[in-house]
C-alpha atoms as a PDB file:
ATOM      1  CA  MET A   1     -67.378  17.960 -34.600  1.00  0.00           C
ATOM      2  CA  ARG A   2     -68.692  20.295 -32.389  1.00  0.00           C
ATOM      3  CA  ARG A   3     -68.143  24.040 -32.113  1.00  0.00           C
ATOM      4  CA  ALA A   4     -67.329  24.249 -28.682  1.00  0.00           C
ATOM      5  CA  LEU A   5     -64.059  21.359 -29.202  1.00  0.00           C
ATOM      6  CA  ARG A   6     -63.518  23.420 -31.931  1.00  0.00           C
ATOM      7  CA  GLN A   7     -62.477  26.466 -30.614  1.00  0.00           C
ATOM      8  CA  SER A   8     -60.988  24.634 -27.308  1.00  0.00           C
ATOM      9  CA  VAL A   9     -58.572  23.426 -30.153  1.00  0.00           C
ATOM     10  CA  ARG A  10     -57.762  27.012 -31.700  1.00  0.00           C
ATOM     11  CA  ILE A  11     -57.486  28.235 -28.227  1.00  0.00           C
ATOM     12  CA  ARG A  12     -55.872  25.607 -27.021  1.00  0.00           C
ATOM     13  CA  TYR A  13     -52.944  26.139 -29.973  1.00  0.00           C
ATOM     14  CA  GLU A  14     -53.056  29.945 -29.737  1.00  0.00           C
ATOM     15  CA  PHE A  15     -54.667  30.372 -33.489  1.00  0.00           C
ATOM     16  CA  LEU A  16     -51.594  28.741 -34.736  1.00  0.00           C
ATOM     17  CA  CYS A  17     -50.907  25.973 -37.253  1.00  0.00           C
ATOM     18  CA  GLY A  18     -49.671  23.290 -34.524  1.00  0.00           C
ATOM     19  CA  TYR A  19     -47.118  22.081 -37.246  1.00  0.00           C
ATOM     20  CA  CYS A  20     -45.652  24.734 -39.143  1.00  0.00           C
ATOM     21  CA  GLY A  21     -46.999  28.241 -36.909  1.00  0.00           C
ATOM     22  CA  VAL A  22     -48.615  30.671 -39.414  1.00  0.00           C
ATOM     23  CA  SER A  23     -51.468  31.956 -37.414  1.00  0.00           C
ATOM     24  CA  GLU A  24     -54.770  33.019 -38.485  1.00  0.00           C
ATOM     25  CA  THR A  25     -53.550  36.497 -38.977  1.00  0.00           C
ATOM     26  CA  ASN A  26     -51.120  35.424 -41.332  1.00  0.00           C
ATOM     27  CA  ILE A  27     -53.362  33.634 -43.479  1.00  0.00           C
ATOM     28  CA  GLY A  28     -56.488  35.557 -43.064  1.00  0.00           C
ATOM     29  CA  ALA A  29     -58.607  33.043 -41.739  1.00  0.00           C
ATOM     30  CA  GLU A  30     -59.418  30.162 -39.468  1.00  0.00           C
ATOM     31  CA  MET A  31     -57.501  27.267 -39.818  1.00  0.00           C
ATOM     32  CA  THR A  32     -58.962  23.074 -39.874  1.00  0.00           C
ATOM     33  CA  VAL A  33     -58.555  20.702 -37.323  1.00  0.00           C
ATOM     34  CA  ASP A  34     -56.728  17.608 -38.179  1.00  0.00           C
ATOM     35  CA  HIS A  35     -56.396  14.383 -36.329  1.00  0.00           C
ATOM     36  CA  PHE A  36     -53.417  12.969 -35.738  1.00  0.00           C
ATOM     37  CA  LEU A  37     -54.279   9.781 -35.878  1.00  0.00           C
ATOM     38  CA  PRO A  38     -56.131  10.062 -38.758  1.00  0.00           C
ATOM     39  CA  ARG A  39     -59.723   8.373 -38.408  1.00  0.00           C
ATOM     40  CA  ILE A  40     -59.264   5.941 -40.632  1.00  0.00           C
ATOM     41  CA  HIS A  41     -57.172   4.590 -38.309  1.00  0.00           C
ATOM     42  CA  GLY A  42     -59.104   4.593 -35.000  1.00  0.00           C
ATOM     43  CA  GLY A  43     -58.035   8.051 -33.944  1.00  0.00           C
ATOM     44  CA  GLU A  44     -60.976   9.710 -32.203  1.00  0.00           C
ATOM     45  CA  ASP A  45     -61.888  13.625 -31.676  1.00  0.00           C
ATOM     46  CA  THR A  46     -60.140  13.752 -28.199  1.00  0.00           C
ATOM     47  CA  GLU A  47     -58.078  16.970 -27.445  1.00  0.00           C
ATOM     48  CA  ASP A  48     -55.045  15.283 -27.751  1.00  0.00           C
ATOM     49  CA  ASN A  49     -55.757  14.085 -30.934  1.00  0.00           C
ATOM     50  CA  LEU A  50     -56.727  17.354 -32.395  1.00  0.00           C
ATOM     51  CA  VAL A  51     -54.187  19.342 -34.369  1.00  0.00           C
ATOM     52  CA  TYR A  52     -55.129  22.697 -35.118  1.00  0.00           C
ATOM     53  CA  CYS A  53     -53.185  23.308 -38.360  1.00  0.00           C
ATOM     54  CA  CYS A  54     -53.645  25.322 -42.053  1.00  0.00           C
ATOM     55  CA  HIS A  55     -54.699  23.747 -45.512  1.00  0.00           C
ATOM     56  CA  ALA A  56     -51.801  23.439 -46.241  1.00  0.00           C
ATOM     57  CA  CYS A  57     -50.465  21.119 -43.409  1.00  0.00           C
ATOM     58  CA  ASN A  58     -53.034  19.259 -43.007  1.00  0.00           C
ATOM     59  CA  GLU A  59     -53.816  18.838 -46.909  1.00  0.00           C
ATOM     60  CA  PHE A  60     -50.061  17.402 -47.134  1.00  0.00           C
ATOM     61  CA  LYS A  61     -50.299  15.440 -43.800  1.00  0.00           C
ATOM     62  CA  GLY A  62     -53.434  13.451 -45.255  1.00  0.00           C
ATOM     63  CA  ASP A  63     -54.424  10.541 -43.590  1.00  0.00           C
ATOM     64  CA  TYR A  64     -50.567   9.579 -43.103  1.00  0.00           C
ATOM     65  CA  TRP A  65     -49.940   7.351 -39.893  1.00  0.00           C
ATOM     66  CA  GLN A  66     -47.153   4.606 -39.193  1.00  0.00           C
ATOM     67  CA  PRO A  67     -47.681   2.627 -36.341  1.00  0.00           C
ATOM     68  CA  GLU A  68     -44.057   2.254 -35.476  1.00  0.00           C
ATOM     69  CA  PRO A  69     -43.304   5.133 -33.238  1.00  0.00           C
ATOM     70  CA  THR A  70     -39.824   6.236 -34.377  1.00  0.00           C
ATOM     71  CA  LEU A  71     -41.691   6.660 -38.120  1.00  0.00           C
ATOM     72  CA  ARG A  72     -44.401   9.027 -36.718  1.00  0.00           C
ATOM     73  CA  LEU A  73     -44.674  12.799 -37.595  1.00  0.00           C
ATOM     74  CA  LEU A  74     -44.157  14.783 -33.947  1.00  0.00           C
ATOM     75  CA  HIS A  75     -46.938  15.591 -32.094  1.00  0.00           C
ATOM     76  CA  PRO A  76     -47.072  19.237 -31.884  1.00  0.00           C
ATOM     77  CA  ARG A  77     -47.942  19.163 -28.255  1.00  0.00           C
ATOM     78  CA  LEU A  78     -46.571  15.579 -26.864  1.00  0.00           C
ATOM     79  CA  ASP A  79     -43.244  15.634 -28.761  1.00  0.00           C
ATOM     80  CA  ASP A  80     -40.348  18.149 -28.155  1.00  0.00           C
ATOM     81  CA  GLU A  81     -39.503  19.728 -31.674  1.00  0.00           C
ATOM     82  CA  THR A  82     -35.869  20.545 -30.632  1.00  0.00           C
ATOM     83  CA  THR A  83     -34.653  17.247 -30.319  1.00  0.00           C
ATOM     84  CA  HIS A  84     -35.927  16.596 -33.973  1.00  0.00           C
ATOM     85  CA  ILE A  85     -35.469  19.345 -36.257  1.00  0.00           C
ATOM     86  CA  ARG A  86     -33.428  22.589 -35.808  1.00  0.00           C
ATOM     87  CA  GLU A  87     -34.045  26.299 -37.725  1.00  0.00           C
ATOM     88  CA  HIS A  88     -31.049  27.113 -39.573  1.00  0.00           C
ATOM     89  CA  THR A  89     -30.102  30.995 -40.249  1.00  0.00           C
ATOM     90  CA  ASP A  90     -31.224  31.197 -43.704  1.00  0.00           C
ATOM     91  CA  GLY A  91     -34.659  29.700 -42.319  1.00  0.00           C
ATOM     92  CA  THR A  92     -34.657  26.263 -43.256  1.00  0.00           C
ATOM     93  CA  TYR A  93     -34.903  23.324 -40.693  1.00  0.00           C
ATOM     94  CA  LEU A  94     -32.525  20.882 -40.427  1.00  0.00           C
ATOM     95  CA  ALA A  95     -33.087  17.468 -39.326  1.00  0.00           C
ATOM     96  CA  LEU A  96     -31.749  16.165 -36.273  1.00  0.00           C
ATOM     97  CA  THR A  97     -33.056  12.600 -36.581  1.00  0.00           C
ATOM     98  CA  GLU A  98     -34.924  10.437 -38.817  1.00  0.00           C
ATOM     99  CA  ARG A  99     -37.817  11.334 -37.430  1.00  0.00           C
ATOM    100  CA  GLY A 100     -37.062  14.622 -37.989  1.00  0.00           C
ATOM    101  CA  SER A 101     -36.314  14.290 -41.405  1.00  0.00           C
ATOM    102  CA  ILE A 102     -40.126  12.180 -41.905  1.00  0.00           C
ATOM    103  CA  HIS A 103     -41.434  15.537 -40.760  1.00  0.00           C
ATOM    104  CA  LEU A 104     -40.371  17.788 -42.485  1.00  0.00           C
ATOM    105  CA  ARG A 105     -40.667  15.791 -45.493  1.00  0.00           C
ATOM    106  CA  ILE A 106     -44.223  14.474 -44.942  1.00  0.00           C
ATOM    107  CA  LEU A 107     -45.303  18.318 -44.143  1.00  0.00           C
ATOM    108  CA  ARG A 108     -42.775  20.126 -46.360  1.00  0.00           C
ATOM    109  CA  LEU A 109     -41.640  22.214 -43.785  1.00  0.00           C
ATOM    110  CA  ASN A 110     -38.861  23.219 -46.107  1.00  0.00           C
ATOM    111  CA  ARG A 111     -41.187  24.712 -48.855  1.00  0.00           C
ATOM    112  CA  PRO A 112     -39.899  28.624 -49.699  1.00  0.00           C
ATOM    113  CA  GLU A 113     -43.513  29.964 -48.915  1.00  0.00           C
ATOM    114  CA  LEU A 114     -42.630  28.588 -45.006  1.00  0.00           C
ATOM    115  CA  ILE A 115     -38.737  29.588 -45.208  1.00  0.00           C
ATOM    116  CA  ALA A 116     -39.735  33.680 -46.044  1.00  0.00           C
ATOM    117  CA  TYR A 117     -42.164  33.569 -43.467  1.00  0.00           C
ATOM    118  CA  ARG A 118     -39.349  32.512 -41.102  1.00  0.00           C
ATOM    119  CA  LEU A 119     -37.497  34.853 -42.025  1.00  0.00           C
ATOM    120  CA  GLU A 120     -39.954  37.656 -42.168  1.00  0.00           C
ATOM    121  CA  ARG A 121     -40.785  36.654 -38.341  1.00  0.00           C
ATOM    122  CA  LYS A 122     -37.222  36.143 -37.033  1.00  0.00           C
ATOM    123  CA  GLU A 123     -36.159  39.953 -38.883  1.00  0.00           C
ATOM    124  CA  LEU A 124     -39.941  41.295 -36.994  1.00  0.00           C
ATOM    125  CA  PHE A 125     -38.922  39.826 -33.843  1.00  0.00           C
ATOM    126  CA  LEU A 126     -35.818  41.859 -34.416  1.00  0.00           C
ATOM    127  CA  LEU A 127     -37.227  45.021 -35.297  1.00  0.00           C
ATOM    128  CA  ARG A 128     -39.392  44.922 -32.558  1.00  0.00           C
ATOM    129  CA  GLN A 129     -36.354  44.722 -29.811  1.00  0.00           C
ATOM    130  CA  GLN A 130     -34.897  47.392 -31.901  1.00  0.00           C
ATOM    131  CA  ASN A 131     -37.767  49.366 -31.360  1.00  0.00           C
ATOM    132  CA  GLN A 132     -38.046  48.475 -27.946  1.00  0.00           C
ATOM    133  CA  ILE A 133     -34.744  49.911 -26.625  1.00  0.00           C
ATOM    134  CA  LEU A 134     -35.446  53.189 -28.426  1.00  0.00           C
ATOM    135  CA  ARG A 135     -38.254  53.831 -27.040  1.00  0.00           C
ATOM    136  CA  GLN A 136     -36.406  53.591 -23.659  1.00  0.00           C
ATOM    137  CA  GLN A 137     -33.568  55.824 -24.774  1.00  0.00           C
ATOM    138  CA  LEU A 138     -36.118  58.158 -26.039  1.00  0.00           C
ATOM    139  CA  GLN A 139     -37.792  58.089 -22.182  1.00  0.00           C
ATOM    140  CA  GLU A 140     -34.395  58.511 -20.912  1.00  0.00           C
ATOM    141  CA  ALA A 141     -33.566  61.356 -23.558  1.00  0.00           C
ATOM    142  CA  GLN A 142     -36.600  62.931 -22.257  1.00  0.00           C
ATOM    143  CA  GLN A 143     -35.884  62.871 -18.748  1.00  0.00           C
ATOM    144  CA  THR A 144     -32.883  64.073 -19.153  1.00  0.00           C
ATOM    145  CA  THR A 145     -34.151  66.941 -21.077  1.00  0.00           C
ATOM    146  CA  ARG A 146     -37.334  67.996 -18.620  1.00  0.00           C
ATOM    147  CA  ARG A 147     -34.709  67.876 -15.493  1.00  0.00           C
ATOM    148  CA  LEU A 148     -31.948  70.335 -17.251  1.00  0.00           C
ATOM    149  CA  GLU A 149     -35.073  72.387 -18.355  1.00  0.00           C
ATOM    150  CA  VAL A 150     -35.827  72.301 -14.325  1.00  0.00           C
ATOM    151  CA  ASP A 151     -32.273  72.804 -13.740  1.00  0.00           C
ATOM    152  CA  LEU A 152     -32.055  75.999 -16.161  1.00  0.00           C
ATOM    153  CA  GLU A 153     -35.194  77.625 -15.222  1.00  0.00           C
ATOM    154  CA  ARG A 154     -33.272  77.111 -10.972  1.00  0.00           C
ATOM    155  CA  TYR A 155     -30.025  78.758 -12.646  1.00  0.00           C
ATOM    156  CA  SER A 156     -31.969  81.671 -14.415  1.00  0.00           C
ATOM    157  CA  ASN A 157     -34.501  82.428 -11.035  1.00  0.00           C
ATOM    158  CA  ASP A 158     -30.998  82.408  -9.390  1.00  0.00           C
ATOM    159  CA  LEU A 159     -28.947  84.980 -11.310  1.00  0.00           C
END
């Protein structure tokens, strides 16, 4: 595969695994490029057939392919995952359809490491939100302090 095509796929997937969502920075390396329709079944090096993915997902998927659309894995860019899968509050994925169930089973998307990753990602998101709120409150408090200092100086000068 040409380096330029590989780089295009990386950028298209925003450096995230198209199947499980981990990033290059989470795993500390570039990932692989998977043929959604495997070459052994006629898949080509076209952008819509190439999925940027981590080594684990690529290994679990392997040459899996079903000609029957209802038995295929979900394509990360062409299928609406939320129609087939929902994330539970405990970090596990729940299948909403048979296709979602196949997707979860083949890719092993409820492996303990991914559940921990999803929970950690949620916690980090909440911490970032809290951090943003605290920064805003601090900025408002600093502005109030400056106004009070100006008022105090005026009051002192008037005495």
